[in-house]
Amino acid sequence: MKHQDDEARCYDAHMRTTVRIDDELYRTVKEQAAQTGRTVGEIIEDAVRRSITTADSGSDGPLPPLPVYGGSGVLPGVELASNAAVRDVMDGDGPVDALR
C-alpha cells in the first residue's frame, strides 16, 4: 500500500510545467537532444542545473590563488596596474625569453 508521503515525493521528483523559450533556441536544443540520444527535457534540466550551480558558486567570493612559477618577478619598469605598460612590453621586439 502506497503511503501519501511517497506519492508527494514522486510527484515532486517529476514536476510538469510549461515554459516559453525562443523558437531558434528550442530548435537548437532539439537538435542537440537528437544528436546525443537524450530528451529535450534532459538537455534543459542539465542547463538549468549548471546555471544554478554557477549562480550558487557566485563570483562574489574570493578567487582561487593564481599559480606561481619560479622566476625573478616582474621585469624592471613594468607596472602591472597599467594595462598599457604591460601591452607595450608584450608588443616589444625583444626576445620572448626576456618576458619570462
N, C-alpha and C. Protein backbone atom coordinates (compact mmCIF):
# COMPACT_ATOMS: atom_id res chain seq x y z
N MET A 1 0.84 -1.19 0.00
CA MET A 1 0.00 0.00 0.00
C MET A 1 0.88 1.24 0.00
N LYS A 2 0.61 2.19 -0.92
CA LYS A 2 1.41 3.40 -1.00
C LYS A 2 1.04 4.36 0.11
N HIS A 3 2.03 4.99 0.61
CA HIS A 3 1.84 5.99 1.65
C HIS A 3 1.65 7.34 0.98
N GLN A 4 0.90 8.23 1.56
CA GLN A 4 0.62 9.53 0.96
C GLN A 4 1.91 10.33 0.74
N ASP A 5 2.86 10.25 1.67
CA ASP A 5 4.13 10.97 1.52
C ASP A 5 4.90 10.47 0.31
N ASP A 6 4.84 9.16 0.05
CA ASP A 6 5.53 8.60 -1.11
C ASP A 6 4.98 9.18 -2.40
N GLU A 7 3.67 9.34 -2.48
CA GLU A 7 3.06 9.92 -3.67
C GLU A 7 3.49 11.37 -3.84
N ALA A 8 3.58 12.11 -2.77
CA ALA A 8 4.01 13.50 -2.85
C ALA A 8 5.45 13.59 -3.34
N ARG A 9 6.32 12.72 -2.86
CA ARG A 9 7.72 12.72 -3.30
C ARG A 9 7.81 12.38 -4.78
N CYS A 10 7.05 11.40 -5.24
CA CYS A 10 7.07 11.03 -6.65
C CYS A 10 6.62 12.20 -7.51
N TYR A 11 5.59 12.87 -7.09
CA TYR A 11 5.07 13.99 -7.86
C TYR A 11 6.11 15.10 -7.96
N ASP A 12 6.75 15.42 -6.85
CA ASP A 12 7.73 16.49 -6.84
C ASP A 12 8.97 16.15 -7.66
N ALA A 13 9.30 14.88 -7.77
CA ALA A 13 10.50 14.49 -8.50
C ALA A 13 10.37 14.73 -9.99
N HIS A 14 9.15 14.73 -10.51
CA HIS A 14 8.95 14.89 -11.94
C HIS A 14 7.83 15.89 -12.21
N MET A 15 8.05 17.12 -11.81
CA MET A 15 7.06 18.18 -11.98
C MET A 15 6.93 18.51 -13.46
N ARG A 16 5.70 18.65 -13.92
CA ARG A 16 5.44 19.07 -15.30
C ARG A 16 5.14 20.56 -15.28
N THR A 17 5.68 21.27 -16.25
CA THR A 17 5.40 22.70 -16.35
C THR A 17 5.51 23.12 -17.80
N THR A 18 5.05 24.29 -18.09
CA THR A 18 5.16 24.84 -19.44
C THR A 18 6.05 26.07 -19.37
N VAL A 19 7.00 26.15 -20.26
CA VAL A 19 7.88 27.33 -20.32
C VAL A 19 7.88 27.84 -21.75
N ARG A 20 8.11 29.11 -21.89
CA ARG A 20 8.22 29.70 -23.23
C ARG A 20 9.69 29.98 -23.49
N ILE A 21 10.19 29.43 -24.59
CA ILE A 21 11.58 29.72 -24.97
C ILE A 21 11.60 30.12 -26.44
N ASP A 22 12.62 30.80 -26.82
CA ASP A 22 12.82 31.26 -28.18
C ASP A 22 12.78 30.08 -29.15
N ASP A 23 12.12 30.25 -30.29
CA ASP A 23 11.98 29.17 -31.27
C ASP A 23 13.33 28.64 -31.75
N GLU A 24 14.25 29.54 -32.03
CA GLU A 24 15.56 29.12 -32.52
C GLU A 24 16.32 28.34 -31.43
N LEU A 25 16.21 28.78 -30.19
CA LEU A 25 16.84 28.08 -29.08
C LEU A 25 16.25 26.67 -28.95
N TYR A 26 14.93 26.57 -29.07
CA TYR A 26 14.28 25.26 -28.97
C TYR A 26 14.77 24.34 -30.08
N ARG A 27 14.88 24.86 -31.30
CA ARG A 27 15.37 24.03 -32.41
C ARG A 27 16.79 23.54 -32.14
N THR A 28 17.61 24.41 -31.58
CA THR A 28 18.99 24.02 -31.25
C THR A 28 19.01 22.94 -30.18
N VAL A 29 18.19 23.10 -29.15
CA VAL A 29 18.12 22.09 -28.08
C VAL A 29 17.60 20.77 -28.63
N LYS A 30 16.59 20.84 -29.47
CA LYS A 30 16.01 19.63 -30.06
C LYS A 30 17.05 18.90 -30.92
N GLU A 31 17.83 19.65 -31.66
CA GLU A 31 18.89 19.06 -32.49
C GLU A 31 19.95 18.40 -31.62
N GLN A 32 20.36 19.09 -30.56
CA GLN A 32 21.36 18.52 -29.65
C GLN A 32 20.83 17.25 -28.99
N ALA A 33 19.56 17.27 -28.62
CA ALA A 33 18.96 16.09 -28.00
C ALA A 33 18.99 14.91 -28.96
N ALA A 34 18.65 15.16 -30.21
CA ALA A 34 18.65 14.08 -31.21
C ALA A 34 20.05 13.54 -31.44
N GLN A 35 21.04 14.43 -31.46
CA GLN A 35 22.42 14.01 -31.70
C GLN A 35 22.99 13.22 -30.54
N THR A 36 22.53 13.50 -29.33
CA THR A 36 23.10 12.84 -28.15
C THR A 36 22.22 11.73 -27.61
N GLY A 37 21.06 11.49 -28.25
CA GLY A 37 20.17 10.43 -27.78
C GLY A 37 19.51 10.74 -26.45
N ARG A 38 19.32 12.01 -26.16
CA ARG A 38 18.67 12.41 -24.92
C ARG A 38 17.38 13.13 -25.26
N THR A 39 16.57 13.39 -24.26
CA THR A 39 15.33 14.13 -24.48
C THR A 39 15.59 15.62 -24.36
N VAL A 40 14.68 16.40 -24.92
CA VAL A 40 14.76 17.85 -24.79
C VAL A 40 14.70 18.23 -23.31
N GLY A 41 13.85 17.56 -22.55
CA GLY A 41 13.74 17.82 -21.11
C GLY A 41 15.05 17.60 -20.38
N GLU A 42 15.78 16.53 -20.72
CA GLU A 42 17.06 16.25 -20.07
C GLU A 42 18.08 17.35 -20.38
N ILE A 43 18.10 17.80 -21.62
CA ILE A 43 19.03 18.88 -22.00
C ILE A 43 18.71 20.14 -21.21
N ILE A 44 17.43 20.49 -21.14
CA ILE A 44 17.02 21.71 -20.43
C ILE A 44 17.30 21.57 -18.94
N GLU A 45 17.00 20.41 -18.35
CA GLU A 45 17.29 20.20 -16.92
C GLU A 45 18.77 20.38 -16.62
N ASP A 46 19.63 19.81 -17.46
CA ASP A 46 21.08 19.95 -17.25
C ASP A 46 21.50 21.41 -17.34
N ALA A 47 20.94 22.14 -18.30
CA ALA A 47 21.29 23.55 -18.45
C ALA A 47 20.87 24.35 -17.22
N VAL A 48 19.68 24.06 -16.70
CA VAL A 48 19.19 24.77 -15.51
C VAL A 48 20.07 24.41 -14.31
N ARG A 49 20.43 23.14 -14.17
CA ARG A 49 21.31 22.73 -13.05
C ARG A 49 22.65 23.45 -13.12
N ARG A 50 23.24 23.50 -14.32
CA ARG A 50 24.54 24.21 -14.46
C ARG A 50 24.38 25.68 -14.12
N SER A 51 23.29 26.28 -14.55
CA SER A 51 23.05 27.69 -14.27
C SER A 51 22.92 27.94 -12.78
N ILE A 52 22.19 27.08 -12.10
CA ILE A 52 22.01 27.23 -10.66
C ILE A 52 23.32 27.00 -9.93
N THR A 53 24.07 26.00 -10.34
CA THR A 53 25.36 25.71 -9.70
C THR A 53 26.31 26.89 -9.88
N THR A 54 26.34 27.46 -11.08
CA THR A 54 27.21 28.60 -11.35
C THR A 54 26.77 29.80 -10.51
N ALA A 55 25.46 30.02 -10.44
CA ALA A 55 24.94 31.14 -9.65
C ALA A 55 25.23 30.94 -8.17
N ASP A 56 25.09 29.68 -7.69
CA ASP A 56 25.34 29.40 -6.28
C ASP A 56 26.81 29.57 -5.92
N SER A 57 27.70 29.21 -6.85
CA SER A 57 29.12 29.34 -6.54
C SER A 57 29.50 30.80 -6.46
N GLY A 58 28.77 31.64 -7.21
CA GLY A 58 28.93 33.09 -7.13
C GLY A 58 30.32 33.57 -7.49
N SER A 59 30.36 34.68 -8.17
CA SER A 59 31.65 35.27 -8.50
C SER A 59 32.03 36.32 -7.46
N ASP A 60 31.20 36.47 -6.43
CA ASP A 60 31.48 37.46 -5.39
C ASP A 60 32.47 36.93 -4.36
N GLY A 61 32.65 35.62 -4.32
CA GLY A 61 33.56 35.02 -3.34
C GLY A 61 35.01 35.24 -3.71
N PRO A 62 35.89 34.82 -2.85
CA PRO A 62 37.31 35.01 -3.14
C PRO A 62 37.74 34.15 -4.33
N LEU A 63 38.63 34.68 -5.11
CA LEU A 63 39.15 33.95 -6.26
C LEU A 63 40.19 32.94 -5.79
N PRO A 64 40.31 31.83 -6.50
CA PRO A 64 41.35 30.88 -6.12
C PRO A 64 42.72 31.51 -6.37
N PRO A 65 43.73 31.08 -5.64
CA PRO A 65 45.06 31.68 -5.84
C PRO A 65 45.60 31.34 -7.23
N LEU A 66 46.30 32.28 -7.80
CA LEU A 66 46.93 32.05 -9.10
C LEU A 66 48.16 31.17 -8.92
N PRO A 67 48.45 30.35 -9.92
CA PRO A 67 49.66 29.53 -9.81
C PRO A 67 50.90 30.42 -9.86
N VAL A 68 51.89 30.04 -9.12
CA VAL A 68 53.14 30.79 -9.08
C VAL A 68 54.25 29.90 -9.61
N TYR A 69 54.98 30.43 -10.56
CA TYR A 69 56.08 29.68 -11.17
C TYR A 69 57.38 30.35 -10.79
N GLY A 70 58.45 29.59 -10.80
CA GLY A 70 59.76 30.14 -10.46
C GLY A 70 60.13 31.29 -11.38
N GLY A 71 60.83 32.22 -10.88
CA GLY A 71 61.24 33.36 -11.69
C GLY A 71 61.66 34.50 -10.79
N SER A 72 62.04 35.58 -11.41
CA SER A 72 62.55 36.71 -10.64
C SER A 72 61.51 37.79 -10.46
N GLY A 73 60.27 37.53 -10.84
CA GLY A 73 59.23 38.53 -10.65
C GLY A 73 59.01 39.38 -11.88
N VAL A 74 58.45 40.54 -11.68
CA VAL A 74 58.11 41.45 -12.77
C VAL A 74 59.38 42.09 -13.32
N LEU A 75 59.38 42.26 -14.64
CA LEU A 75 60.52 42.93 -15.27
C LEU A 75 60.62 44.36 -14.75
N PRO A 76 61.84 44.88 -14.65
CA PRO A 76 62.00 46.26 -14.21
C PRO A 76 61.26 47.21 -15.15
N GLY A 77 60.56 48.17 -14.57
CA GLY A 77 59.86 49.17 -15.37
C GLY A 77 58.46 48.77 -15.80
N VAL A 78 58.04 47.55 -15.48
CA VAL A 78 56.70 47.13 -15.85
C VAL A 78 55.77 47.38 -14.68
N GLU A 79 54.74 48.16 -14.92
CA GLU A 79 53.75 48.47 -13.89
C GLU A 79 52.52 47.61 -14.16
N LEU A 80 52.29 46.59 -13.33
CA LEU A 80 51.19 45.66 -13.55
C LEU A 80 49.82 46.32 -13.44
N ALA A 81 49.74 47.45 -12.77
CA ALA A 81 48.46 48.14 -12.64
C ALA A 81 48.09 48.88 -13.92
N SER A 82 49.02 48.95 -14.88
CA SER A 82 48.77 49.67 -16.12
C SER A 82 48.70 48.68 -17.28
N ASN A 83 47.51 48.51 -17.84
CA ASN A 83 47.36 47.62 -18.99
C ASN A 83 48.23 48.08 -20.16
N ALA A 84 48.33 49.38 -20.34
CA ALA A 84 49.11 49.91 -21.45
C ALA A 84 50.59 49.56 -21.29
N ALA A 85 51.11 49.64 -20.06
CA ALA A 85 52.52 49.32 -19.84
C ALA A 85 52.79 47.84 -20.09
N VAL A 86 51.90 46.98 -19.65
CA VAL A 86 52.06 45.54 -19.89
C VAL A 86 51.98 45.26 -21.38
N ARG A 87 51.02 45.88 -22.06
CA ARG A 87 50.87 45.68 -23.50
C ARG A 87 52.12 46.13 -24.24
N ASP A 88 52.70 47.27 -23.84
CA ASP A 88 53.90 47.77 -24.51
C ASP A 88 55.05 46.78 -24.38
N VAL A 89 55.20 46.18 -23.21
CA VAL A 89 56.27 45.20 -23.01
C VAL A 89 56.00 43.97 -23.86
N MET A 90 54.75 43.52 -23.88
CA MET A 90 54.40 42.33 -24.65
C MET A 90 54.54 42.56 -26.14
N ASP A 91 54.26 43.78 -26.62
CA ASP A 91 54.35 44.09 -28.04
C ASP A 91 55.76 44.45 -28.48
N GLY A 92 56.67 44.56 -27.52
CA GLY A 92 58.04 44.95 -27.87
C GLY A 92 58.72 43.90 -28.74
N ASP A 93 59.84 44.29 -29.33
CA ASP A 93 60.57 43.40 -30.24
C ASP A 93 61.62 42.55 -29.55
N GLY A 94 61.66 42.60 -28.24
CA GLY A 94 62.65 41.82 -27.51
C GLY A 94 62.38 40.32 -27.62
N PRO A 95 63.36 39.51 -27.26
CA PRO A 95 63.17 38.06 -27.32
C PRO A 95 62.12 37.61 -26.30
N VAL A 96 61.41 36.56 -26.65
CA VAL A 96 60.36 36.05 -25.77
C VAL A 96 60.92 35.63 -24.42
N ASP A 97 62.11 35.07 -24.39
CA ASP A 97 62.71 34.65 -23.12
C ASP A 97 62.88 35.81 -22.16
N ALA A 98 63.02 37.02 -22.67
CA ALA A 98 63.19 38.17 -21.78
C ALA A 98 61.91 38.47 -21.01
N LEU A 99 60.77 37.99 -21.51
CA LEU A 99 59.49 38.24 -20.86
C LEU A 99 59.21 37.24 -19.76
N ARG A 100 60.00 36.17 -19.65
CA ARG A 100 59.73 35.14 -18.66
C ARG A 100 60.31 35.48 -17.33
